[in-house]
Amino acid sequence: MTKAERRELQERQRAAKAAAKSAAPGTTPAPAKSNAASAGGAGRDTPQPAAAPKKPGKATDAKPGKSEAARGLRIFSHFGLPKSPSVTKGDVHPAIIRLGLQFSDFKITGANARCVAMLNAFKTVIQDYVTPPNTTLSRHLMTHLSPQITYLVSARPMSVTMGNAIRQLKLEISGSDIDLPEQDAKNVLFVKIDNYIRDRIVIADQVIQETAGNKIKNDDVILTYARSSVVEKVLLGAWEDGKRFSVIVVDSRPMLEGKVLLKALSGASIPCTYLLLPSLPSVLPHTTTLFVGAHSIHANGAVFSRAGTATVAMMAQSHNVPVVVCCETYKWSESVRWDSFSKNELAPTPFPTNVPSSSHSSRHNPDIKPSQNLSVLSPLYDLTPPSYITAVVTEVGVIPPSSMSSIPSALGKTIGV
């Protein structure tokens, strides 16, 4: 190569290195440097073909693509994904293992159902528990229950209802009389657990059913979303009281829980209309009241419920449709929540086993096939701001969202916080 050709080659290599450095600041293009030096040295001895200049950013385009994909997954990595625990740490009772598998497979869903199932499983664990020598039940039992709780949390993130029930159970265990025989102390705990289920769930639902049922009039068109066990009791109770109305059930994937509610309401001869979330605007002008349930309710009045509830409430509020939330007070949390991103759960993929395959397989909606290039994101819950809520019906009365912080004082501060 002539002197001019070598100079031209070196200028092209310098330009390529400068372009690569500007495209990826902070990275050291070591390979480019060594290639340039070797090409320059070889050019002085033997003729070499001119190297094609590197395209700016070509070497770094692949890496940002991978990092962006990884970042897209990491940004939702804190969402709780149900999984079957394969390793048990500590002495885990078979009843807890069975319950954890039912949680992870979504065979038991709903805040009330999960809490009742957990408390009943704890009764079995307590019955089989034997206090070690040189200790007392009130001091050692919670140590025995800790691995049981850890196992359930590893199967599926703990709900607010489960956390409140566990805190109340801890108080009852710590207050056990150390002079009582072991079986008598266990029987006292069984009564406390049964009373908690009766007072905070069963009777609370009966009071909510009566209070919310009074809001339903003849010829009303009630709108509801997904499935809430409390809302189901309200609608069935109002129909049994002789009120005649119709119900619009709005549903969405992947859970399709509204089909379970639809089956219960249509079985009671209640006129029903079933539709998916995208069709909601077409029925809102004919709706009189929206009834929804809640997974938890927070001190700032925000309602954490099944994903899609916030959309339905927002659209109902824009059409001047009252939004009524039916919620027991044991679902109250002293925390303040502003979004559904900081803490959430993911629905299992493929779809839950308790949903019939015919319900999510059709010619228009084929099942999503798993692929290494596809990440299915299905959050279970969303947060409904208090501005979209008209009233919250609880067993202590009808409370506006702005007064949610008064719930503990209304209960005499008996709620676990």
Protein backbone atom coordinates (compact mmCIF):
# COMPACT_ATOMS: atom_id res chain seq x y z
CA MET A 1 0.00 0.00 0.00
CA THR A 2 1.15 3.49 -0.71
CA LYS A 3 1.55 6.09 1.98
CA ALA A 4 -1.67 7.83 0.91
CA GLU A 5 -3.65 4.56 1.05
CA ARG A 6 -2.36 3.77 4.53
CA ARG A 7 -3.28 7.27 5.72
CA GLU A 8 -6.78 6.90 4.23
CA LEU A 9 -7.23 3.52 5.97
CA GLN A 10 -6.14 4.95 9.31
CA GLU A 11 -8.53 7.89 8.94
CA ARG A 12 -11.45 5.54 8.29
CA GLN A 13 -10.56 3.44 11.33
CA ARG A 14 -10.32 6.53 13.55
CA ALA A 15 -13.75 7.67 12.31
CA ALA A 16 -15.26 4.22 13.01
CA LYS A 17 -13.83 4.19 16.56
CA ALA A 18 -15.11 7.69 17.26
CA ALA A 19 -18.58 6.78 16.00
CA ALA A 20 -18.69 3.61 18.11
CA LYS A 21 -17.54 5.53 21.20
CA SER A 22 -20.22 8.20 20.72
CA ALA A 23 -22.92 5.55 20.17
CA ALA A 24 -22.04 3.76 23.43
CA PRO A 25 -20.58 6.25 25.92
CA GLY A 26 -18.82 4.71 28.89
CA THR A 27 -17.80 1.54 27.02
CA THR A 28 -14.24 0.86 25.99
CA PRO A 29 -13.98 -0.40 22.41
CA ALA A 30 -10.97 -2.61 23.16
CA PRO A 31 -11.53 -4.98 20.23
CA ALA A 32 -11.70 -2.07 17.77
CA LYS A 33 -8.46 -0.63 19.17
CA SER A 34 -6.53 -3.87 18.77
CA ASN A 35 -7.93 -4.43 15.28
CA ALA A 36 -6.92 -0.97 14.23
CA ALA A 37 -3.39 -1.42 15.57
CA SER A 38 -2.94 -4.77 13.90
CA ALA A 39 -4.31 -3.48 10.63
CA GLY A 40 -2.00 -0.48 10.77
CA GLY A 41 1.06 -2.62 11.55
CA ALA A 42 0.29 -5.14 8.87
CA GLY A 43 -0.20 -2.40 6.37
CA ARG A 44 3.42 -1.41 6.59
CA ASP A 45 4.69 -4.93 5.70
CA THR A 46 2.14 -6.57 3.45
CA PRO A 47 -0.72 -5.11 1.48
CA GLN A 48 -4.09 -5.61 3.19
CA PRO A 49 -7.55 -5.04 1.76
CA ALA A 50 -9.21 -1.93 3.02
CA ALA A 51 -11.51 -2.80 5.96
CA ALA A 52 -15.10 -1.67 5.64
CA PRO A 53 -15.86 1.09 8.13
CA LYS A 54 -18.04 0.01 11.05
CA LYS A 55 -21.55 1.32 11.05
CA PRO A 56 -22.17 3.55 14.05
CA GLY A 57 -23.92 1.67 16.83
CA LYS A 58 -23.90 -1.65 15.01
CA ALA A 59 -21.82 -3.39 17.67
CA THR A 60 -23.95 -2.02 20.51
CA ASP A 61 -27.45 -2.38 19.01
CA ALA A 62 -27.75 -6.04 20.02
CA LYS A 63 -26.80 -5.44 23.62
CA PRO A 64 -29.34 -2.66 24.30
CA GLY A 65 -32.04 -4.87 22.73
CA LYS A 66 -31.28 -7.66 25.18
CA SER A 67 -31.00 -5.28 28.11
CA GLU A 68 -34.29 -3.61 27.24
CA ALA A 69 -36.01 -7.00 27.13
CA ALA A 70 -34.45 -7.97 30.45
CA ARG A 71 -35.42 -4.63 31.97
CA GLY A 72 -38.99 -5.12 30.73
CA LEU A 73 -39.16 -8.38 32.68
CA ARG A 74 -37.38 -7.08 35.78
CA ILE A 75 -39.75 -4.15 36.12
CA PHE A 76 -42.56 -6.60 36.99
CA SER A 77 -40.41 -9.14 38.81
CA HIS A 78 -41.76 -8.02 42.20
CA PHE A 79 -45.29 -9.11 41.23
CA GLY A 80 -46.18 -12.26 43.17
CA LEU A 81 -46.53 -15.26 40.88
CA PRO A 82 -48.32 -18.33 42.26
CA LYS A 83 -46.05 -21.37 42.29
CA SER A 84 -46.11 -24.81 43.80
CA PRO A 85 -43.55 -24.90 46.63
CA SER A 86 -41.17 -27.80 46.06
CA VAL A 87 -39.13 -27.46 49.25
CA THR A 88 -40.61 -27.25 52.73
CA LYS A 89 -38.56 -25.53 55.43
CA GLY A 90 -39.38 -26.59 58.93
CA ASP A 91 -42.14 -28.86 60.18
CA VAL A 92 -45.01 -28.15 57.76
CA HIS A 93 -48.31 -29.90 58.43
CA PRO A 94 -49.87 -31.95 55.57
CA ALA A 95 -53.02 -29.83 55.80
CA ILE A 96 -50.94 -26.71 55.09
CA ILE A 97 -49.16 -28.39 52.18
CA ARG A 98 -52.50 -29.33 50.67
CA LEU A 99 -53.84 -25.81 51.19
CA GLY A 100 -50.72 -24.25 49.63
CA LEU A 101 -51.19 -26.35 46.51
CA GLN A 102 -54.83 -25.28 46.30
CA PHE A 103 -53.76 -21.64 46.60
CA SER A 104 -51.11 -21.92 43.91
CA ASP A 105 -53.49 -23.75 41.54
CA PHE A 106 -56.22 -21.15 42.15
CA LYS A 107 -58.63 -23.82 43.31
CA ILE A 108 -59.39 -21.53 46.26
CA THR A 109 -59.81 -17.89 45.22
CA GLY A 110 -61.32 -14.85 46.82
CA ALA A 111 -60.21 -13.07 49.98
CA ASN A 112 -62.93 -14.59 52.17
CA ALA A 113 -62.47 -18.14 50.92
CA ARG A 114 -58.69 -18.01 51.38
CA CYS A 115 -58.96 -16.62 54.91
CA VAL A 116 -61.55 -19.19 56.04
CA ALA A 117 -59.56 -22.06 54.52
CA MET A 118 -56.38 -20.86 56.24
CA LEU A 119 -58.03 -20.56 59.67
CA ASN A 120 -59.60 -24.01 59.37
CA ALA A 121 -56.21 -25.45 58.40
CA PHE A 122 -54.67 -23.76 61.44
CA LYS A 123 -57.24 -25.49 63.63
CA THR A 124 -56.00 -28.83 62.31
CA VAL A 125 -52.39 -27.82 62.93
CA ILE A 126 -53.16 -26.69 66.48
CA GLN A 127 -55.07 -29.89 67.23
CA ASP A 128 -52.06 -32.02 66.22
CA TYR A 129 -49.59 -29.76 68.02
CA VAL A 130 -47.88 -30.98 71.19
CA THR A 131 -46.20 -28.47 73.48
CA PRO A 132 -42.51 -29.38 74.06
CA PRO A 133 -41.27 -29.88 77.63
CA ASN A 134 -40.17 -26.86 79.69
CA THR A 135 -42.28 -24.39 77.68
CA THR A 136 -45.89 -23.24 77.34
CA LEU A 137 -48.39 -23.25 74.51
CA SER A 138 -48.73 -19.46 74.54
CA ARG A 139 -45.00 -19.04 73.93
CA HIS A 140 -44.16 -21.91 71.59
CA LEU A 141 -47.25 -22.31 69.39
CA MET A 142 -46.49 -19.26 67.23
CA THR A 143 -43.00 -20.65 66.66
CA HIS A 144 -44.67 -23.80 65.35
CA LEU A 145 -47.08 -21.81 63.16
CA SER A 146 -44.34 -19.66 61.56
CA PRO A 147 -43.20 -22.29 59.00
CA GLN A 148 -46.84 -22.99 58.16
CA ILE A 149 -47.39 -19.32 57.34
CA THR A 150 -44.11 -19.14 55.40
CA TYR A 151 -45.18 -22.09 53.27
CA LEU A 152 -48.54 -20.50 52.43
CA VAL A 153 -46.84 -17.23 51.49
CA SER A 154 -44.41 -19.10 49.23
CA ALA A 155 -47.39 -20.65 47.43
CA ARG A 156 -49.16 -17.32 46.91
CA PRO A 157 -48.61 -13.85 48.40
CA MET A 158 -50.54 -13.21 51.59
CA SER A 159 -53.73 -11.19 51.33
CA VAL A 160 -54.73 -8.39 53.70
CA THR A 161 -57.50 -10.58 55.13
CA MET A 162 -55.07 -13.38 55.93
CA GLY A 163 -52.62 -10.95 57.53
CA ASN A 164 -55.33 -9.43 59.76
CA ALA A 165 -56.56 -12.90 60.79
CA ILE A 166 -53.02 -14.07 61.63
CA ARG A 167 -52.38 -10.98 63.76
CA GLN A 168 -55.61 -11.57 65.66
CA LEU A 169 -54.69 -15.24 66.15
CA LYS A 170 -51.30 -14.22 67.54
CA LEU A 171 -53.01 -12.00 70.08
CA GLU A 172 -55.29 -14.83 71.15
CA ILE A 173 -52.38 -17.28 71.47
CA SER A 174 -50.25 -14.87 73.47
CA GLY A 175 -53.19 -14.26 75.81
CA SER A 176 -53.82 -17.95 76.47
CA ASP A 177 -53.99 -18.95 80.14
CA ILE A 178 -50.82 -20.85 80.97
CA ASP A 179 -52.60 -22.66 83.82
CA LEU A 180 -55.11 -24.36 81.49
CA PRO A 181 -54.48 -27.95 80.39
CA GLU A 182 -53.20 -28.13 76.83
CA GLN A 183 -56.37 -29.51 75.27
CA ASP A 184 -58.52 -26.94 77.08
CA ALA A 185 -56.28 -24.15 75.81
CA LYS A 186 -56.63 -25.56 72.30
CA ASN A 187 -60.42 -25.66 72.64
CA VAL A 188 -60.42 -22.01 73.68
CA LEU A 189 -58.41 -21.14 70.56
CA PHE A 190 -60.84 -23.12 68.39
CA VAL A 191 -63.72 -21.09 69.79
CA LYS A 192 -61.83 -17.85 69.14
CA ILE A 193 -61.18 -18.86 65.52
CA ASP A 194 -64.81 -19.88 64.98
CA ASN A 195 -66.00 -16.60 66.49
CA TYR A 196 -63.68 -14.63 64.21
CA ILE A 197 -65.09 -16.38 61.13
CA ARG A 198 -68.65 -15.93 62.37
CA ASP A 199 -68.40 -12.28 63.45
CA ARG A 200 -66.04 -10.83 60.85
CA ILE A 201 -67.19 -12.77 57.77
CA VAL A 202 -70.50 -14.62 58.10
CA ILE A 203 -72.49 -12.11 60.15
CA ALA A 204 -70.73 -9.21 58.44
CA ASP A 205 -71.91 -10.51 55.08
CA GLN A 206 -75.47 -10.81 56.40
CA VAL A 207 -75.46 -7.20 57.58
CA ILE A 208 -73.97 -5.99 54.28
CA GLN A 209 -76.53 -8.06 52.39
CA GLU A 210 -79.39 -6.34 54.21
CA THR A 211 -77.91 -2.83 54.00
CA ALA A 212 -76.94 -2.99 50.35
CA GLY A 213 -80.16 -4.80 49.44
CA ASN A 214 -82.13 -1.79 50.64
CA LYS A 215 -80.42 0.25 47.92
CA ILE A 216 -81.96 -1.95 45.21
CA LYS A 217 -85.40 -0.99 43.92
CA ASN A 218 -87.82 -2.65 41.56
CA ASP A 219 -86.96 -2.35 37.85
CA ASP A 220 -83.34 -1.41 38.64
CA VAL A 221 -80.57 -2.49 36.28
CA ILE A 222 -77.65 -3.56 38.47
CA LEU A 223 -74.17 -3.65 37.00
CA THR A 224 -71.43 -5.79 38.55
CA TYR A 225 -67.93 -6.81 37.54
CA ALA A 226 -66.23 -10.23 37.79
CA ARG A 227 -67.39 -12.05 40.92
CA SER A 228 -67.62 -11.04 44.55
CA SER A 229 -69.12 -13.46 47.06
CA VAL A 230 -70.59 -10.53 49.02
CA VAL A 231 -72.20 -8.95 45.95
CA GLU A 232 -73.59 -12.34 44.99
CA LYS A 233 -75.27 -12.64 48.40
CA VAL A 234 -76.64 -9.09 48.10
CA LEU A 235 -78.26 -9.77 44.74
CA LEU A 236 -79.66 -13.17 45.70
CA GLY A 237 -80.97 -11.78 49.00
CA ALA A 238 -82.71 -8.84 47.32
CA TRP A 239 -84.37 -11.19 44.82
CA GLU A 240 -85.58 -13.46 47.63
CA ASP A 241 -87.08 -10.40 49.34
CA GLY A 242 -89.38 -9.95 46.36
CA LYS A 243 -87.56 -7.17 44.51
CA ARG A 244 -87.54 -7.53 40.74
CA PHE A 245 -84.55 -6.22 38.84
CA SER A 246 -82.06 -7.28 36.19
CA VAL A 247 -78.29 -7.72 36.38
CA ILE A 248 -75.54 -6.99 33.88
CA VAL A 249 -72.43 -9.09 34.55
CA VAL A 250 -69.23 -7.65 33.07
CA ASP A 251 -66.30 -10.02 32.81
CA SER A 252 -62.70 -10.12 31.56
CA ARG A 253 -59.83 -12.48 31.03
CA PRO A 254 -57.94 -14.44 32.19
CA MET A 255 -60.02 -15.45 35.24
CA LEU A 256 -63.53 -15.10 33.73
CA GLU A 257 -64.98 -15.25 37.24
CA GLY A 258 -68.17 -13.56 36.10
CA LYS A 259 -69.35 -16.87 34.63
CA VAL A 260 -69.56 -18.34 38.12
CA LEU A 261 -71.68 -15.39 39.28
CA LEU A 262 -73.81 -15.61 36.14
CA LYS A 263 -74.54 -19.28 36.83
CA ALA A 264 -75.64 -18.53 40.40
CA LEU A 265 -77.87 -15.59 39.43
CA SER A 266 -79.48 -17.26 36.43
CA GLY A 267 -80.09 -20.35 38.57
CA ALA A 268 -82.21 -18.13 40.84
CA SER A 269 -84.23 -16.93 37.79
CA ILE A 270 -82.71 -13.41 37.89
CA PRO A 271 -82.69 -11.82 34.40
CA CYS A 272 -79.01 -11.44 33.46
CA THR A 273 -76.91 -10.05 30.65
CA TYR A 274 -73.32 -11.21 30.21
CA LEU A 275 -70.68 -9.23 28.35
CA LEU A 276 -66.95 -8.64 28.29
CA LEU A 277 -65.23 -5.45 29.38
CA PRO A 278 -64.86 -3.85 25.91
CA SER A 279 -68.67 -3.84 25.54
CA LEU A 280 -69.26 -1.90 28.76
CA PRO A 281 -69.95 1.56 27.20
CA SER A 282 -72.96 0.22 25.32
CA VAL A 283 -74.84 -0.74 28.52
CA LEU A 284 -73.85 2.07 30.89
CA PRO A 285 -76.67 4.43 29.78
CA HIS A 286 -79.19 1.80 30.95
CA THR A 287 -77.55 1.08 34.32
CA THR A 288 -78.83 2.40 37.66
CA THR A 289 -76.19 1.18 40.17
CA LEU A 290 -72.77 -0.51 40.10
CA PHE A 291 -72.02 -3.06 42.84
CA VAL A 292 -68.46 -4.37 43.20
CA GLY A 293 -66.50 -6.23 45.83
CA ALA A 294 -63.03 -5.59 47.23
CA HIS A 295 -59.88 -7.54 47.94
CA SER A 296 -58.82 -4.88 50.45
CA ILE A 297 -59.63 -1.29 51.28
CA HIS A 298 -57.03 1.20 52.47
CA ALA A 299 -56.85 4.17 54.81
CA ASN A 300 -56.96 6.71 51.97
CA GLY A 301 -60.24 5.21 50.67
CA ALA A 302 -58.70 3.41 47.70
CA VAL A 303 -60.11 -0.02 46.87
CA PHE A 304 -57.83 -2.88 45.79
CA SER A 305 -59.91 -5.28 43.73
CA ARG A 306 -59.89 -7.53 40.68
CA ALA A 307 -58.10 -6.01 37.69
CA GLY A 308 -60.60 -4.04 35.64
CA THR A 309 -62.62 -2.72 38.58
CA ALA A 310 -61.01 0.72 38.31
CA THR A 311 -61.95 0.95 34.63
CA VAL A 312 -65.56 -0.05 35.30
CA ALA A 313 -65.85 2.39 38.22
CA MET A 314 -64.34 5.25 36.23
CA MET A 315 -66.70 4.73 33.31
CA ALA A 316 -69.71 4.35 35.62
CA GLN A 317 -68.81 7.56 37.44
CA SER A 318 -68.52 9.40 34.12
CA HIS A 319 -72.12 8.31 33.35
CA ASN A 320 -73.36 9.41 36.82
CA VAL A 321 -73.92 5.80 37.89
CA PRO A 322 -73.45 5.35 41.69
CA VAL A 323 -70.51 3.08 42.53
CA VAL A 324 -71.18 1.00 45.66
CA VAL A 325 -68.41 -1.16 47.15
CA CYS A 326 -69.44 -4.06 49.41
CA CYS A 327 -66.60 -4.83 51.80
CA GLU A 328 -66.18 -6.34 55.27
CA THR A 329 -64.16 -4.29 57.74
CA TYR A 330 -61.61 -7.06 58.29
CA LYS A 331 -60.38 -6.25 54.77
CA TRP A 332 -59.31 -2.80 55.96
CA SER A 333 -55.62 -1.96 55.93
CA GLU A 334 -53.96 0.97 57.64
CA SER A 335 -51.58 1.39 54.71
CA VAL A 336 -52.07 4.06 52.07
CA ARG A 337 -51.92 2.92 48.46
CA TRP A 338 -51.68 5.09 45.36
CA ASP A 339 -51.16 2.54 42.59
CA SER A 340 -51.36 -1.17 41.76
CA PHE A 341 -47.75 -1.38 40.59
CA SER A 342 -45.86 -1.29 43.89
CA LYS A 343 -47.51 -4.54 45.02
CA ASN A 344 -49.61 -6.95 43.01
CA GLU A 345 -50.03 -10.55 41.94
CA LEU A 346 -49.89 -12.22 38.55
CA ALA A 347 -52.54 -14.54 37.25
CA PRO A 348 -51.09 -17.94 36.34
CA THR A 349 -50.33 -18.74 32.72
CA PRO A 350 -51.69 -20.82 31.14
CA PHE A 351 -55.13 -20.05 32.45
CA PRO A 352 -56.20 -21.30 35.88
CA THR A 353 -57.23 -24.93 36.10
CA ASN A 354 -60.57 -24.08 37.74
CA VAL A 355 -61.71 -22.28 34.57
CA PRO A 356 -63.21 -24.71 32.02
CA SER A 357 -61.23 -24.91 28.81
CA SER A 358 -64.35 -24.10 26.79
CA SER A 359 -64.60 -20.75 28.56
CA HIS A 360 -61.31 -19.45 27.21
CA SER A 361 -60.98 -21.32 23.94
CA SER A 362 -62.95 -20.20 20.92
CA ARG A 363 -62.58 -19.44 17.28
CA HIS A 364 -62.28 -15.72 18.00
CA ASN A 365 -60.04 -15.99 21.08
CA PRO A 366 -57.48 -18.79 20.67
CA ASP A 367 -55.29 -19.67 23.61
CA ILE A 368 -52.02 -17.80 23.85
CA LYS A 369 -49.18 -20.11 22.94
CA PRO A 370 -46.07 -19.89 25.14
CA SER A 371 -43.01 -18.56 23.38
CA GLN A 372 -39.54 -17.36 24.36
CA ASN A 373 -40.35 -14.08 22.62
CA LEU A 374 -43.66 -13.58 24.46
CA SER A 375 -44.22 -12.53 28.06
CA VAL A 376 -47.85 -12.63 29.24
CA LEU A 377 -48.54 -10.04 31.93
CA SER A 378 -51.86 -10.50 33.74
CA PRO A 379 -52.02 -8.53 37.01
CA LEU A 380 -54.72 -9.83 39.32
CA TYR A 381 -55.68 -6.54 40.96
CA ASP A 382 -55.92 -2.84 40.31
CA LEU A 383 -56.53 0.17 42.53
CA THR A 384 -59.73 2.21 42.32
CA PRO A 385 -59.20 5.80 43.55
CA PRO A 386 -61.69 7.08 46.13
CA SER A 387 -62.87 9.77 43.70
CA TYR A 388 -64.60 7.04 41.65
CA ILE A 389 -66.44 5.53 44.65
CA THR A 390 -69.79 6.76 45.90
CA ALA A 391 -70.04 4.71 49.11
CA VAL A 392 -68.63 1.65 50.86
CA VAL A 393 -71.15 -0.67 52.52
CA THR A 394 -69.71 -2.42 55.59
CA GLU A 395 -71.18 -4.19 58.61
CA VAL A 396 -70.74 -0.98 60.64
CA GLY A 397 -72.73 1.11 58.16
CA VAL A 398 -72.41 2.95 54.87
CA ILE A 399 -69.12 4.87 54.90
CA PRO A 400 -67.92 7.46 52.37
CA PRO A 401 -64.41 6.81 51.00
CA SER A 402 -63.10 9.90 52.77
CA SER A 403 -63.91 8.33 56.17
CA MET A 404 -62.15 4.99 55.76
CA SER A 405 -59.66 5.87 58.50
CA SER A 406 -62.51 5.84 61.04
CA ILE A 407 -63.13 2.09 60.71
CA PRO A 408 -60.87 0.99 63.60
CA SER A 409 -62.51 3.44 65.99
CA ALA A 410 -65.95 2.28 64.85
CA LEU A 411 -64.93 -1.27 65.79
CA GLY A 412 -63.42 -0.25 69.11
CA LYS A 413 -59.95 -0.86 67.63
CA THR A 414 -60.50 -4.61 67.54
CA ILE A 415 -59.24 -4.93 63.99
CA GLY A 416 -55.70 -6.23 63.63
CA VAL A 417 -53.39 -3.44 62.52
